């Protein structure tokens, strides 16, 4: 369910009033950067998970796309906290977005060579959202396929930026998977090695080691990915960053996907080939238990990941 209030350019407006003109630059050219963040219910009240890394990545993305943002990181953090509080969420999904609004319809959208630019819009909205790939999948695993759509080459789109335009590729990967009856699609990179899911990073467990692609495979450096890397270190599991071949997925003991929406979701099959025992593996379960215990306030926030909403 959507919330009642949305923060927009420093003020609160009601959901139905947060409209965008049809000439907005982002609608035509995908000129936006956004984040997906979760707030979890804890015994002390709602808490935002890894707030600062998300807003920092948002502003870095705007910098790469040369979108001027009239708010600081601290102001955005405050706006997010206030939006959650005003909407009285106990747990929610949070979407901050920066985009080029109405104004000049030229390709760049910024003031250049005497031409007027567009207005920068900064919005935060919240909503209730359950398990992205499904309640059953979070426990029993998702069936995924290798997509025919490749991730962009490193010198074409800025993969490290969570830009709206990049997600046309993700839409195609996800729609193809759903059309063939799978929960999600996995994209290969320009070299034919594993990149990531449509909206998730990927981890492959083999012989007690965790393998994951690096930034060279046109992945988004996910914040949940970074969280899992920290938890793996806590568990003294060796992490190997290397190109991952398609067939390596089929031979894996366990595979799981990570992301703000997907959290930590196990994979039980790839291209209808069973992975391991065909269900959530023991390391995946251990990571899930630790992740949800910390985000839910049942275990100490030893890494300082939670920001309480007062």
C-alpha atoms as a PDB file:
ATOM      1  CA  UNK A   1       0.000   0.000   0.000  1.00  0.00           C
ATOM      2  CA  UNK A   2       1.334   3.480  -0.822  1.00  0.00           C
ATOM      3  CA  UNK A   3       1.818   5.951   1.993  1.00  0.00           C
ATOM      4  CA  UNK A   4      -0.120   9.181   2.395  1.00  0.00           C
ATOM      5  CA  UNK A   5       2.803  11.611   2.369  1.00  0.00           C
ATOM      6  CA  UNK A   6       5.678  12.163  -0.080  1.00  0.00           C
ATOM      7  CA  UNK A   7       8.658  14.448   0.477  1.00  0.00           C
ATOM      8  CA  UNK A   8       9.279  16.560  -2.602  1.00  0.00           C
ATOM      9  CA  UNK A   9      11.892  19.290  -2.937  1.00  0.00           C
ATOM     10  CA  UNK A  10      11.828  20.091   0.767  1.00  0.00           C
ATOM     11  CA  UNK A  11       8.075  19.949   1.403  1.00  0.00           C
ATOM     12  CA  UNK A  12       5.528  17.240   2.100  1.00  0.00           C
ATOM     13  CA  UNK A  13       2.744  16.669  -0.417  1.00  0.00           C
ATOM     14  CA  UNK A  14       0.020  14.057  -0.554  1.00  0.00           C
ATOM     15  CA  UNK A  15       0.528  10.974  -2.721  1.00  0.00           C
ATOM     16  CA  UNK A  16      -2.052  11.977  -5.338  1.00  0.00           C
ATOM     17  CA  UNK A  17      -0.547  15.452  -5.682  1.00  0.00           C
ATOM     18  CA  UNK A  18       3.021  14.302  -6.417  1.00  0.00           C
ATOM     19  CA  UNK A  19       2.595  14.485 -10.187  1.00  0.00           C
ATOM     20  CA  UNK A  20       5.130  15.030 -12.974  1.00  0.00           C
ATOM     21  CA  UNK A  21       4.584  16.947 -16.204  1.00  0.00           C
ATOM     22  CA  UNK A  22       4.624  14.918 -19.432  1.00  0.00           C
ATOM     23  CA  UNK A  23       7.526  17.019 -20.717  1.00  0.00           C
ATOM     24  CA  UNK A  24       9.785  15.957 -17.818  1.00  0.00           C
ATOM     25  CA  UNK A  25      13.221  15.125 -19.201  1.00  0.00           C
ATOM     26  CA  UNK A  26      13.480  11.869 -17.216  1.00  0.00           C
ATOM     27  CA  UNK A  27      10.365  10.471 -18.900  1.00  0.00           C
ATOM     28  CA  UNK A  28      11.890  10.970 -22.329  1.00  0.00           C
ATOM     29  CA  UNK A  29      15.539  10.156 -21.687  1.00  0.00           C
ATOM     30  CA  UNK A  30      15.781   8.175 -18.444  1.00  0.00           C
ATOM     31  CA  UNK A  31      17.763  10.967 -16.750  1.00  0.00           C
ATOM     32  CA  UNK A  32      17.284   9.910 -13.145  1.00  0.00           C
ATOM     33  CA  UNK A  33      19.156   8.281 -10.304  1.00  0.00           C
ATOM     34  CA  UNK A  34      17.390   6.469  -7.512  1.00  0.00           C
ATOM     35  CA  UNK A  35      17.833   4.185  -4.531  1.00  0.00           C
ATOM     36  CA  UNK A  36      15.906   1.346  -2.958  1.00  0.00           C
ATOM     37  CA  UNK A  37      16.172   1.303   0.831  1.00  0.00           C
ATOM     38  CA  UNK A  38      14.378  -0.715   3.505  1.00  0.00           C
ATOM     39  CA  UNK A  39      13.279   0.160   6.986  1.00  0.00           C
ATOM     40  CA  UNK A  40      12.742  -2.815   9.298  1.00  0.00           C
ATOM     41  CA  UNK A  41      10.554  -3.194  12.352  1.00  0.00           C
ATOM     42  CA  UNK A  42      12.636  -3.579  15.522  1.00  0.00           C
ATOM     43  CA  UNK A  43      11.749  -3.631  19.241  1.00  0.00           C
ATOM     44  CA  UNK A  44      12.929   0.000  19.368  1.00  0.00           C
ATOM     45  CA  UNK A  45      10.711   1.007  16.434  1.00  0.00           C
ATOM     46  CA  UNK A  46      11.403   1.247  12.706  1.00  0.00           C
ATOM     47  CA  UNK A  47      15.055   1.379  11.655  1.00  0.00           C
ATOM     48  CA  UNK A  48      16.480   2.244   8.232  1.00  0.00           C
ATOM     49  CA  UNK A  49      19.062  -0.222   6.952  1.00  0.00           C
ATOM     50  CA  UNK A  50      22.339   1.315   5.787  1.00  0.00           C
ATOM     51  CA  UNK A  51      20.919   4.755   5.157  1.00  0.00           C
ATOM     52  CA  UNK A  52      24.165   6.679   4.624  1.00  0.00           C
ATOM     53  CA  UNK A  53      25.668   4.411   1.921  1.00  0.00           C
ATOM     54  CA  UNK A  54      22.429   4.677  -0.045  1.00  0.00           C
ATOM     55  CA  UNK A  55      22.207   8.463  -0.013  1.00  0.00           C
ATOM     56  CA  UNK A  56      25.923   8.738  -0.752  1.00  0.00           C
ATOM     57  CA  UNK A  57      25.540   6.477  -3.792  1.00  0.00           C
ATOM     58  CA  UNK A  58      22.525   8.525  -4.907  1.00  0.00           C
ATOM     59  CA  UNK A  59      24.532  11.748  -4.875  1.00  0.00           C
ATOM     60  CA  UNK A  60      27.532  10.113  -6.543  1.00  0.00           C
ATOM     61  CA  UNK A  61      25.238   8.860  -9.300  1.00  0.00           C
ATOM     62  CA  UNK A  62      23.844  12.350  -9.826  1.00  0.00           C
ATOM     63  CA  UNK A  63      27.425  13.626 -10.030  1.00  0.00           C
ATOM     64  CA  UNK A  64      28.273  11.152 -12.796  1.00  0.00           C
ATOM     65  CA  UNK A  65      25.134  12.107 -14.760  1.00  0.00           C
ATOM     66  CA  UNK A  66      25.859  15.812 -14.116  1.00  0.00           C
ATOM     67  CA  UNK A  67      22.555  16.427 -12.380  1.00  0.00           C
ATOM     68  CA  UNK A  68      22.852  19.230  -9.828  1.00  0.00           C
ATOM     69  CA  UNK A  69      21.220  18.266  -6.523  1.00  0.00           C
ATOM     70  CA  UNK A  70      20.179  21.177  -4.248  1.00  0.00           C
ATOM     71  CA  UNK A  71      20.247  19.041  -1.085  1.00  0.00           C
ATOM     72  CA  UNK A  72      23.067  17.603   0.991  1.00  0.00           C
ATOM     73  CA  UNK A  73      23.454  14.008   2.127  1.00  0.00           C
ATOM     74  CA  UNK A  74      22.389  14.989   5.656  1.00  0.00           C
ATOM     75  CA  UNK A  75      19.292  16.763   4.344  1.00  0.00           C
ATOM     76  CA  UNK A  76      18.299  13.698   2.340  1.00  0.00           C
ATOM     77  CA  UNK A  77      18.833  11.433   5.356  1.00  0.00           C
ATOM     78  CA  UNK A  78      16.598  13.701   7.426  1.00  0.00           C
ATOM     79  CA  UNK A  79      13.957  13.769   4.688  1.00  0.00           C
ATOM     80  CA  UNK A  80      13.891   9.955   4.579  1.00  0.00           C
ATOM     81  CA  UNK A  81      13.548   9.643   8.349  1.00  0.00           C
ATOM     82  CA  UNK A  82      10.801  12.291   8.472  1.00  0.00           C
ATOM     83  CA  UNK A  83       8.867  10.648   5.619  1.00  0.00           C
ATOM     84  CA  UNK A  84       8.839   7.293   7.415  1.00  0.00           C
ATOM     85  CA  UNK A  85       7.775   8.936  10.666  1.00  0.00           C
ATOM     86  CA  UNK A  86       5.022  11.009   9.063  1.00  0.00           C
ATOM     87  CA  UNK A  87       3.604   7.933   7.319  1.00  0.00           C
ATOM     88  CA  UNK A  88       3.784   5.959  10.585  1.00  0.00           C
ATOM     89  CA  UNK A  89       5.466   2.937   9.027  1.00  0.00           C
ATOM     90  CA  UNK A  90       6.828   0.155  11.178  1.00  0.00           C
ATOM     91  CA  UNK A  91       8.553  -1.357   8.146  1.00  0.00           C
ATOM     92  CA  UNK A  92       8.655  -0.082   4.577  1.00  0.00           C
ATOM     93  CA  UNK A  93      10.454   0.227   1.269  1.00  0.00           C
ATOM     94  CA  UNK A  94      11.910   3.688   0.596  1.00  0.00           C
ATOM     95  CA  UNK A  95      12.477   5.200  -2.845  1.00  0.00           C
ATOM     96  CA  UNK A  96      14.522   8.410  -3.059  1.00  0.00           C
ATOM     97  CA  UNK A  97      14.844   9.633  -6.631  1.00  0.00           C
ATOM     98  CA  UNK A  98      16.565  12.564  -8.323  1.00  0.00           C
ATOM     99  CA  UNK A  99      15.514  13.381 -11.874  1.00  0.00           C
ATOM    100  CA  UNK A 100      15.503  16.049 -14.519  1.00  0.00           C
ATOM    101  CA  UNK A 101      12.019  17.541 -14.625  1.00  0.00           C
ATOM    102  CA  UNK A 102      10.265  19.845 -17.034  1.00  0.00           C
ATOM    103  CA  UNK A 103      12.073  22.499 -19.041  1.00  0.00           C
ATOM    104  CA  UNK A 104      14.199  22.235 -22.134  1.00  0.00           C
ATOM    105  CA  UNK A 105      13.581  19.044 -24.096  1.00  0.00           C
ATOM    106  CA  UNK A 106      17.090  18.913 -25.524  1.00  0.00           C
ATOM    107  CA  UNK A 107      19.054  15.724 -25.070  1.00  0.00           C
ATOM    108  CA  UNK A 108      21.370  16.964 -22.312  1.00  0.00           C
ATOM    109  CA  UNK A 109      18.719  18.567 -20.147  1.00  0.00           C
ATOM    110  CA  UNK A 110      21.191  20.930 -18.508  1.00  0.00           C
ATOM    111  CA  UNK A 111      22.018  24.565 -19.143  1.00  0.00           C
ATOM    112  CA  UNK A 112      24.620  24.641 -21.900  1.00  0.00           C
ATOM    113  CA  UNK A 113      25.719  27.136 -24.556  1.00  0.00           C
ATOM    114  CA  UNK A 114      23.105  29.660 -23.512  1.00  0.00           C
ATOM    115  CA  UNK A 115      20.202  27.198 -23.591  1.00  0.00           C
ATOM    116  CA  UNK A 116      18.028  26.843 -20.516  1.00  0.00           C
ATOM    117  CA  UNK A 117      18.126  23.544 -18.663  1.00  0.00           C
ATOM    118  CA  UNK A 118      15.598  21.530 -16.718  1.00  0.00           C
ATOM    119  CA  UNK A 119      14.553  21.714 -13.102  1.00  0.00           C
ATOM    120  CA  UNK A 120      16.021  19.082 -10.786  1.00  0.00           C
ATOM    121  CA  UNK A 121      13.357  17.222  -8.837  1.00  0.00           C
ATOM    122  CA  UNK A 122      14.198  15.390  -5.609  1.00  0.00           C
ATOM    123  CA  UNK A 123      11.558  13.068  -4.167  1.00  0.00           C
ATOM    124  CA  UNK A 124      11.288  10.542  -1.348  1.00  0.00           C
ATOM    125  CA  UNK A 125       8.327   8.184  -1.110  1.00  0.00           C
ATOM    126  CA  UNK A 126       7.659   5.101   0.981  1.00  0.00           C
ATOM    127  CA  UNK A 127       5.450   2.063   0.643  1.00  0.00           C
ATOM    128  CA  UNK A 128       4.842  -1.338   2.164  1.00  0.00           C
ATOM    129  CA  UNK A 129       6.516  -4.068   0.125  1.00  0.00           C
ATOM    130  CA  UNK A 130       7.041  -7.726   0.991  1.00  0.00           C
ATOM    131  CA  UNK A 131       9.565 -10.189  -0.389  1.00  0.00           C
ATOM    132  CA  UNK A 132      10.489  -9.093  -3.917  1.00  0.00           C
ATOM    133  CA  UNK A 133      10.937 -12.552  -5.432  1.00  0.00           C
ATOM    134  CA  UNK A 134       8.225 -14.117  -3.261  1.00  0.00           C
ATOM    135  CA  UNK A 135       7.691 -15.387   0.277  1.00  0.00           C
ATOM    136  CA  UNK A 136       8.186 -18.996  -0.832  1.00  0.00           C
ATOM    137  CA  UNK A 137      11.377 -18.190  -2.743  1.00  0.00           C
ATOM    138  CA  UNK A 138      13.061 -16.557   0.245  1.00  0.00           C
ATOM    139  CA  UNK A 139      12.921 -19.929   2.027  1.00  0.00           C
ATOM    140  CA  UNK A 140      12.804 -22.587  -0.691  1.00  0.00           C
ATOM    141  CA  UNK A 141      14.696 -20.842  -3.468  1.00  0.00           C
ATOM    142  CA  UNK A 142      13.932 -19.261  -6.821  1.00  0.00           C
ATOM    143  CA  UNK A 143      14.047 -20.821 -10.284  1.00  0.00           C
ATOM    144  CA  UNK A 144      16.071 -18.566 -12.572  1.00  0.00           C
ATOM    145  CA  UNK A 145      17.304 -18.570 -16.167  1.00  0.00           C
ATOM    146  CA  UNK A 146      20.258 -17.155 -18.066  1.00  0.00           C
ATOM    147  CA  UNK A 147      18.895 -14.276 -20.088  1.00  0.00           C
ATOM    148  CA  UNK A 148      19.541 -13.727 -23.772  1.00  0.00           C
ATOM    149  CA  UNK A 149      20.031 -10.041 -22.907  1.00  0.00           C
ATOM    150  CA  UNK A 150      23.595  -9.021 -21.987  1.00  0.00           C
ATOM    151  CA  UNK A 151      24.666  -6.343 -19.530  1.00  0.00           C
ATOM    152  CA  UNK A 152      26.149  -3.225 -21.068  1.00  0.00           C
ATOM    153  CA  UNK A 153      29.842  -2.999 -21.889  1.00  0.00           C
ATOM    154  CA  UNK A 154      31.826  -0.919 -19.364  1.00  0.00           C
ATOM    155  CA  UNK A 155      32.319   1.961 -21.809  1.00  0.00           C
ATOM    156  CA  UNK A 156      28.656   2.301 -22.809  1.00  0.00           C
ATOM    157  CA  UNK A 157      26.586   2.908 -19.638  1.00  0.00           C
ATOM    158  CA  UNK A 158      27.840   3.742 -16.118  1.00  0.00           C
ATOM    159  CA  UNK A 159      27.002   0.442 -14.419  1.00  0.00           C
ATOM    160  CA  UNK A 160      28.087   1.712 -11.004  1.00  0.00           C
ATOM    161  CA  UNK A 161      25.320   4.324 -11.162  1.00  0.00           C
ATOM    162  CA  UNK A 162      21.767   3.373 -10.225  1.00  0.00           C
ATOM    163  CA  UNK A 163      20.409   5.312 -13.183  1.00  0.00           C
ATOM    164  CA  UNK A 164      16.850   5.031 -14.440  1.00  0.00           C
ATOM    165  CA  UNK A 165      17.969   4.565 -18.045  1.00  0.00           C
ATOM    166  CA  UNK A 166      20.076   1.522 -17.123  1.00  0.00           C
ATOM    167  CA  UNK A 167      16.981  -0.324 -16.026  1.00  0.00           C
ATOM    168  CA  UNK A 168      15.568  -0.755 -19.521  1.00  0.00           C
ATOM    169  CA  UNK A 169      18.086  -3.586 -19.708  1.00  0.00           C
ATOM    170  CA  UNK A 170      16.875  -4.968 -16.369  1.00  0.00           C
ATOM    171  CA  UNK A 171      13.259  -4.814 -17.514  1.00  0.00           C
ATOM    172  CA  UNK A 172      14.066  -6.883 -20.596  1.00  0.00           C
ATOM    173  CA  UNK A 173      15.944  -9.471 -18.506  1.00  0.00           C
ATOM    174  CA  UNK A 174      13.109  -9.765 -15.997  1.00  0.00           C
ATOM    175  CA  UNK A 175      10.276  -9.833 -18.535  1.00  0.00           C
ATOM    176  CA  UNK A 176      11.981 -12.548 -20.563  1.00  0.00           C
ATOM    177  CA  UNK A 177      12.385 -14.678 -17.435  1.00  0.00           C
ATOM    178  CA  UNK A 178       8.757 -14.245 -16.412  1.00  0.00           C
ATOM    179  CA  UNK A 179       7.541 -15.021 -19.932  1.00  0.00           C
ATOM    180  CA  UNK A 180       9.362 -18.368 -19.705  1.00  0.00           C
ATOM    181  CA  UNK A 181       8.015 -19.136 -16.240  1.00  0.00           C
ATOM    182  CA  UNK A 182      11.070 -18.226 -14.142  1.00  0.00           C
ATOM    183  CA  UNK A 183      11.219 -16.009 -11.075  1.00  0.00           C
ATOM    184  CA  UNK A 184      14.183 -14.003 -12.346  1.00  0.00           C
ATOM    185  CA  UNK A 185      16.773 -13.700 -15.107  1.00  0.00           C
ATOM    186  CA  UNK A 186      20.559 -13.660 -14.815  1.00  0.00           C
ATOM    187  CA  UNK A 187      22.423 -11.480 -17.311  1.00  0.00           C
ATOM    188  CA  UNK A 188      25.871 -12.235 -18.705  1.00  0.00           C
ATOM    189  CA  UNK A 189      28.352  -9.460 -19.360  1.00  0.00           C
ATOM    190  CA  UNK A 190      29.836  -8.439 -22.699  1.00  0.00           C
ATOM    191  CA  UNK A 191      32.455 -11.198 -22.342  1.00  0.00           C
ATOM    192  CA  UNK A 192      29.877 -13.922 -21.749  1.00  0.00           C
ATOM    193  CA  UNK A 193      30.585 -14.343 -18.031  1.00  0.00           C
ATOM    194  CA  UNK A 194      28.031 -13.902 -15.266  1.00  0.00           C
ATOM    195  CA  UNK A 195      27.139 -10.307 -14.402  1.00  0.00           C
ATOM    196  CA  UNK A 196      24.084 -10.109 -12.108  1.00  0.00           C
ATOM    197  CA  UNK A 197      20.343 -10.598 -11.906  1.00  0.00           C
ATOM    198  CA  UNK A 198      17.868  -8.103 -13.292  1.00  0.00           C
ATOM    199  CA  UNK A 199      17.904  -6.311  -9.942  1.00  0.00           C
ATOM    200  CA  UNK A 200      20.235  -8.370  -7.763  1.00  0.00           C
ATOM    201  CA  UNK A 201      23.878  -9.288  -7.282  1.00  0.00           C
ATOM    202  CA  UNK A 202      24.843 -12.949  -7.296  1.00  0.00           C
ATOM    203  CA  UNK A 203      26.959 -15.198  -5.059  1.00  0.00           C
ATOM    204  CA  UNK A 204      28.074 -18.728  -5.953  1.00  0.00           C
ATOM    205  CA  UNK A 205      29.146 -21.154  -3.220  1.00  0.00           C
ATOM    206  CA  UNK A 206      31.547 -23.954  -4.188  1.00  0.00           C
ATOM    207  CA  UNK A 207      33.687 -26.083  -1.881  1.00  0.00           C
ATOM    208  CA  UNK A 208      33.214 -23.728   1.043  1.00  0.00           C
ATOM    209  CA  UNK A 209      34.211 -20.572  -0.859  1.00  0.00           C
ATOM    210  CA  UNK A 210      31.994 -17.710  -2.000  1.00  0.00           C
ATOM    211  CA  UNK A 211      32.512 -16.499  -5.565  1.00  0.00           C
ATOM    212  CA  UNK A 212      31.105 -13.225  -6.876  1.00  0.00           C
ATOM    213  CA  UNK A 213      31.793 -11.058  -9.942  1.00  0.00           C
ATOM    214  CA  UNK A 214      33.629  -7.754  -9.581  1.00  0.00           C
ATOM    215  CA  UNK A 215      32.845  -4.363 -11.050  1.00  0.00           C
ATOM    216  CA  UNK A 216      34.525  -5.390 -14.328  1.00  0.00           C
ATOM    217  CA  UNK A 217      31.391  -7.461 -15.059  1.00  0.00           C
ATOM    218  CA  UNK A 218      29.193  -4.332 -15.270  1.00  0.00           C
ATOM    219  CA  UNK A 219      27.529  -4.939 -11.911  1.00  0.00           C
ATOM    220  CA  UNK A 220      26.019  -2.438  -9.536  1.00  0.00           C
ATOM    221  CA  UNK A 221      28.101  -2.527  -6.364  1.00  0.00           C
ATOM    222  CA  UNK A 222      25.100  -3.383  -4.232  1.00  0.00           C
ATOM    223  CA  UNK A 223      24.844  -2.315  -0.626  1.00  0.00           C
ATOM    224  CA  UNK A 224      23.234  -5.616   0.372  1.00  0.00           C
ATOM    225  CA  UNK A 225      26.094  -7.288  -1.525  1.00  0.00           C
ATOM    226  CA  UNK A 226      28.535  -5.323   0.623  1.00  0.00           C
ATOM    227  CA  UNK A 227      26.569  -6.358   3.720  1.00  0.00           C
ATOM    228  CA  UNK A 228      26.861 -10.035   2.782  1.00  0.00           C
ATOM    229  CA  UNK A 229      30.584  -9.643   2.140  1.00  0.00           C
ATOM    230  CA  UNK A 230      30.923  -8.351   5.710  1.00  0.00           C
ATOM    231  CA  UNK A 231      28.866 -11.239   7.102  1.00  0.00           C
ATOM    232  CA  UNK A 232      30.957 -13.741   5.139  1.00  0.00           C
ATOM    233  CA  UNK A 233      34.063 -12.222   6.683  1.00  0.00           C
ATOM    234  CA  UNK A 234      32.470 -12.561  10.129  1.00  0.00           C
ATOM    235  CA  UNK A 235      31.858 -16.245   9.356  1.00  0.00           C
ATOM    236  CA  UNK A 236      35.456 -16.611   8.101  1.00  0.00           C
ATOM    237  CA  UNK A 237      34.285 -17.710   4.647  1.00  0.00           C
ATOM    238  CA  UNK A 238      36.784 -16.971   1.889  1.00  0.00           C
ATOM    239  CA  UNK A 239      35.452 -14.688  -0.849  1.00  0.00           C
ATOM    240  CA  UNK A 240      36.858 -14.973  -4.388  1.00  0.00           C
ATOM    241  CA  UNK A 241      36.284 -12.132  -6.857  1.00  0.00           C
ATOM    242  CA  UNK A 242      36.609 -13.524 -10.371  1.00  0.00           C
ATOM    243  CA  UNK A 243      34.797 -13.860 -13.698  1.00  0.00           C
ATOM    244  CA  UNK A 244      32.194 -16.616 -13.347  1.00  0.00           C
ATOM    245  CA  UNK A 245      31.350 -18.819 -16.314  1.00  0.00           C
ATOM    246  CA  UNK A 246      27.779 -19.854 -17.020  1.00  0.00           C
ATOM    247  CA  UNK A 247      28.497 -23.526 -16.393  1.00  0.00           C
ATOM    248  CA  UNK A 248      29.976 -22.721 -12.998  1.00  0.00           C
ATOM    249  CA  UNK A 249      26.448 -21.831 -11.891  1.00  0.00           C
ATOM    250  CA  UNK A 250      25.222 -25.320 -12.786  1.00  0.00           C
ATOM    251  CA  UNK A 251      28.018 -26.917 -10.734  1.00  0.00           C
ATOM    252  CA  UNK A 252      27.531 -24.740  -7.638  1.00  0.00           C
ATOM    253  CA  UNK A 253      26.727 -26.109  -4.197  1.00  0.00           C
ATOM    254  CA  UNK A 254      24.607 -23.027  -3.447  1.00  0.00           C
ATOM    255  CA  UNK A 255      23.652 -19.796  -5.197  1.00  0.00           C
ATOM    256  CA  UNK A 256      21.903 -16.788  -3.742  1.00  0.00           C
ATOM    257  CA  UNK A 257      20.894 -13.334  -4.942  1.00  0.00           C
ATOM    258  CA  UNK A 258      21.220 -10.124  -2.923  1.00  0.00           C
ATOM    259  CA  UNK A 259      19.539  -6.745  -3.127  1.00  0.00           C
ATOM    260  CA  UNK A 260      17.486  -4.305  -1.083  1.00  0.00           C
ATOM    261  CA  UNK A 261      14.248  -5.681  -2.509  1.00  0.00           C
ATOM    262  CA  UNK A 262      15.382  -9.318  -2.808  1.00  0.00           C
ATOM    263  CA  UNK A 263      17.358  -9.233   0.481  1.00  0.00           C
ATOM    264  CA  UNK A 264      19.080 -12.664   0.453  1.00  0.00           C
ATOM    265  CA  UNK A 265      17.162 -15.025  -1.834  1.00  0.00           C
ATOM    266  CA  UNK A 266      18.433 -18.565  -2.538  1.00  0.00           C
ATOM    267  CA  UNK A 267      18.429 -20.033  -6.055  1.00  0.00           C
ATOM    268  CA  UNK A 268      17.263 -23.638  -6.398  1.00  0.00           C
ATOM    269  CA  UNK A 269      17.695 -24.023 -10.157  1.00  0.00           C
ATOM    270  CA  UNK A 270      19.310 -22.308 -13.126  1.00  0.00           C
ATOM    271  CA  UNK A 271      17.944 -23.089 -16.601  1.00  0.00           C
ATOM    272  CA  UNK A 272      15.984 -25.907 -14.914  1.00  0.00           C
ATOM    273  CA  UNK A 273      19.234 -27.484 -13.678  1.00  0.00           C
ATOM    274  CA  UNK A 274      19.040 -28.191  -9.958  1.00  0.00           C
ATOM    275  CA  UNK A 275      21.540 -26.345  -7.784  1.00  0.00           C
ATOM    276  CA  UNK A 276      22.951 -28.440  -4.929  1.00  0.00           C
ATOM    277  CA  UNK A 277      20.120 -30.125  -3.076  1.00  0.00           C
ATOM    278  CA  UNK A 278      17.532 -28.046  -4.926  1.00  0.00           C
ATOM    279  CA  UNK A 279      16.700 -25.941  -1.889  1.00  0.00           C
ATOM    280  CA  UNK A 280      18.192 -23.296   0.345  1.00  0.00           C
ATOM    281  CA  UNK A 281      21.726 -24.298   1.295  1.00  0.00           C
ATOM    282  CA  UNK A 282      23.254 -24.197   4.776  1.00  0.00           C
ATOM    283  CA  UNK A 283      25.462 -21.139   4.229  1.00  0.00           C
ATOM    284  CA  UNK A 284      22.592 -19.227   2.617  1.00  0.00           C
ATOM    285  CA  UNK A 285      20.413 -20.047   5.612  1.00  0.00           C
ATOM    286  CA  UNK A 286      23.145 -18.957   8.019  1.00  0.00           C
ATOM    287  CA  UNK A 287      23.550 -15.635   6.222  1.00  0.00           C
ATOM    288  CA  UNK A 288      19.788 -15.077   6.126  1.00  0.00           C
ATOM    289  CA  UNK A 289      19.445 -15.825   9.835  1.00  0.00           C
ATOM    290  CA  UNK A 290      22.201 -13.354  10.684  1.00  0.00           C
ATOM    291  CA  UNK A 291      20.894 -10.687   8.303  1.00  0.00           C
ATOM    292  CA  UNK A 292      17.308 -10.809   9.524  1.00  0.00           C
ATOM    293  CA  UNK A 293      18.346 -11.032  13.184  1.00  0.00           C
ATOM    294  CA  UNK A 294      20.365  -7.816  12.842  1.00  0.00           C
ATOM    295  CA  UNK A 295      17.795  -5.922  10.754  1.00  0.00           C
ATOM    296  CA  UNK A 296      14.999  -7.057  13.061  1.00  0.00           C
ATOM    297  CA  UNK A 297      16.827  -5.986  16.223  1.00  0.00           C
ATOM    298  CA  UNK A 298      17.143  -9.498  17.650  1.00  0.00           C
ATOM    299  CA  UNK A 299      20.951  -9.303  17.508  1.00  0.00           C
ATOM    300  CA  UNK A 300      23.216  -6.330  18.276  1.00  0.00           C
ATOM    301  CA  UNK A 301      23.846  -3.931  15.403  1.00  0.00           C
ATOM    302  CA  UNK A 302      27.577  -4.564  15.668  1.00  0.00           C
ATOM    303  CA  UNK A 303      28.414  -2.891  12.350  1.00  0.00           C
ATOM    304  CA  UNK A 304      26.288   0.224  12.866  1.00  0.00           C
ATOM    305  CA  UNK A 305      23.964  -0.513   9.979  1.00  0.00           C
ATOM    306  CA  UNK A 306      20.665   0.696  11.480  1.00  0.00           C
ATOM    307  CA  UNK A 307      19.357   4.244  11.798  1.00  0.00           C
ATOM    308  CA  UNK A 308      16.444   4.424  14.212  1.00  0.00           C
ATOM    309  CA  UNK A 309      13.351   6.423  13.275  1.00  0.00           C
ATOM    310  CA  UNK A 310      12.337   8.416  16.329  1.00  0.00           C
END
